[in-house]
Amino acid sequence: MAKIRIKQIKSKIDRPENQKRNLEALGLRKLNQTVEHEATPQILGMVRKVSHLVITENI
């Protein structure tokens, strides 16, 4: 399966709780932190919910 690289580019301060939880579930805890995940439908849905806070790159 394809991999995806996710980088947090905006702060989670003053964001709704569900967006904060999505960032935590993706493994993003700090600004400018990068993580890699398999591009499953579940992960892509979580990224879509916080797409204004992260940038993605296919690997």
C-alpha atoms as a PDB file:
ATOM      1  CA  MET A   1       0.000   0.000   0.000  1.00  0.00           C
ATOM      2  CA  ALA A   2       1.115   3.572  -0.642  1.00  0.00           C
ATOM      3  CA  LYS A   3       2.616   5.678   2.109  1.00  0.00           C
ATOM      4  CA  ILE A   4       1.852   9.281   2.944  1.00  0.00           C
ATOM      5  CA  ARG A   5       4.006  11.855   4.756  1.00  0.00           C
ATOM      6  CA  ILE A   6       2.097  14.345   6.931  1.00  0.00           C
ATOM      7  CA  LYS A   7       3.580  17.547   8.362  1.00  0.00           C
ATOM      8  CA  GLN A   8       1.812  19.874  10.798  1.00  0.00           C
ATOM      9  CA  ILE A   9       2.189  23.480   9.626  1.00  0.00           C
ATOM     10  CA  LYS A  10      -0.355  25.297  11.798  1.00  0.00           C
ATOM     11  CA  SER A  11      -1.018  25.274  15.521  1.00  0.00           C
ATOM     12  CA  LYS A  12      -3.871  23.348  17.099  1.00  0.00           C
ATOM     13  CA  ILE A  13      -4.505  26.149  19.608  1.00  0.00           C
ATOM     14  CA  ASP A  14      -8.096  27.488  19.424  1.00  0.00           C
ATOM     15  CA  ARG A  15      -9.224  24.542  17.273  1.00  0.00           C
ATOM     16  CA  PRO A  16     -12.216  22.306  18.031  1.00  0.00           C
ATOM     17  CA  GLU A  17     -11.528  19.301  20.247  1.00  0.00           C
ATOM     18  CA  ASN A  18     -12.160  16.781  17.456  1.00  0.00           C
ATOM     19  CA  GLN A  19      -9.424  18.370  15.319  1.00  0.00           C
ATOM     20  CA  LYS A  20      -6.987  18.259  18.245  1.00  0.00           C
ATOM     21  CA  ARG A  21      -7.778  14.582  18.738  1.00  0.00           C
ATOM     22  CA  ASN A  22      -7.249  13.843  15.038  1.00  0.00           C
ATOM     23  CA  LEU A  23      -3.796  15.442  15.154  1.00  0.00           C
ATOM     24  CA  GLU A  24      -2.910  13.405  18.258  1.00  0.00           C
ATOM     25  CA  ALA A  25      -4.184  10.201  16.638  1.00  0.00           C
ATOM     26  CA  LEU A  26      -2.041  10.900  13.581  1.00  0.00           C
ATOM     27  CA  GLY A  27       0.966  11.233  15.882  1.00  0.00           C
ATOM     28  CA  LEU A  28       1.393  14.994  15.446  1.00  0.00           C
ATOM     29  CA  ARG A  29       2.130  16.651  18.765  1.00  0.00           C
ATOM     30  CA  LYS A  30       4.388  19.577  17.811  1.00  0.00           C
ATOM     31  CA  LEU A  31       4.438  22.180  15.087  1.00  0.00           C
ATOM     32  CA  ASN A  32       6.572  21.210  12.048  1.00  0.00           C
ATOM     33  CA  GLN A  33       6.584  17.564  13.138  1.00  0.00           C
ATOM     34  CA  THR A  34       6.479  14.999  10.323  1.00  0.00           C
ATOM     35  CA  VAL A  35       5.048  11.477  10.439  1.00  0.00           C
ATOM     36  CA  GLU A  36       4.569   8.712   7.875  1.00  0.00           C
ATOM     37  CA  HIS A  37       1.511   6.452   7.621  1.00  0.00           C
ATOM     38  CA  GLU A  38       0.015   3.962   5.219  1.00  0.00           C
ATOM     39  CA  ALA A  39      -2.550   5.668   2.969  1.00  0.00           C
ATOM     40  CA  THR A  40      -5.595   3.805   4.281  1.00  0.00           C
ATOM     41  CA  PRO A  41      -9.106   5.248   3.989  1.00  0.00           C
ATOM     42  CA  GLN A  42      -9.141   5.854   7.757  1.00  0.00           C
ATOM     43  CA  ILE A  43      -5.903   7.854   7.723  1.00  0.00           C
ATOM     44  CA  LEU A  44      -6.949   9.819   4.629  1.00  0.00           C
ATOM     45  CA  GLY A  45     -10.253  10.717   6.308  1.00  0.00           C
ATOM     46  CA  MET A  46      -8.432  11.989   9.394  1.00  0.00           C
ATOM     47  CA  VAL A  47      -6.074  14.044   7.222  1.00  0.00           C
ATOM     48  CA  ARG A  48      -9.042  15.506   5.348  1.00  0.00           C
ATOM     49  CA  LYS A  49     -10.561  16.735   8.637  1.00  0.00           C
ATOM     50  CA  VAL A  50      -7.379  18.667   9.509  1.00  0.00           C
ATOM     51  CA  SER A  51      -6.227  19.492   5.968  1.00  0.00           C
ATOM     52  CA  HIS A  52      -6.027  23.211   6.826  1.00  0.00           C
ATOM     53  CA  LEU A  53      -3.451  22.426   9.560  1.00  0.00           C
ATOM     54  CA  VAL A  54      -1.210  19.958   7.693  1.00  0.00           C
ATOM     55  CA  ILE A  55       0.487  19.362   4.369  1.00  0.00           C
ATOM     56  CA  THR A  56       0.708  15.920   2.810  1.00  0.00           C
ATOM     57  CA  GLU A  57       3.092  14.272   0.393  1.00  0.00           C
ATOM     58  CA  ASN A  58       2.849  10.884  -1.273  1.00  0.00           C
ATOM     59  CA  ILE A  59       5.933   8.705  -0.880  1.00  0.00           C
END
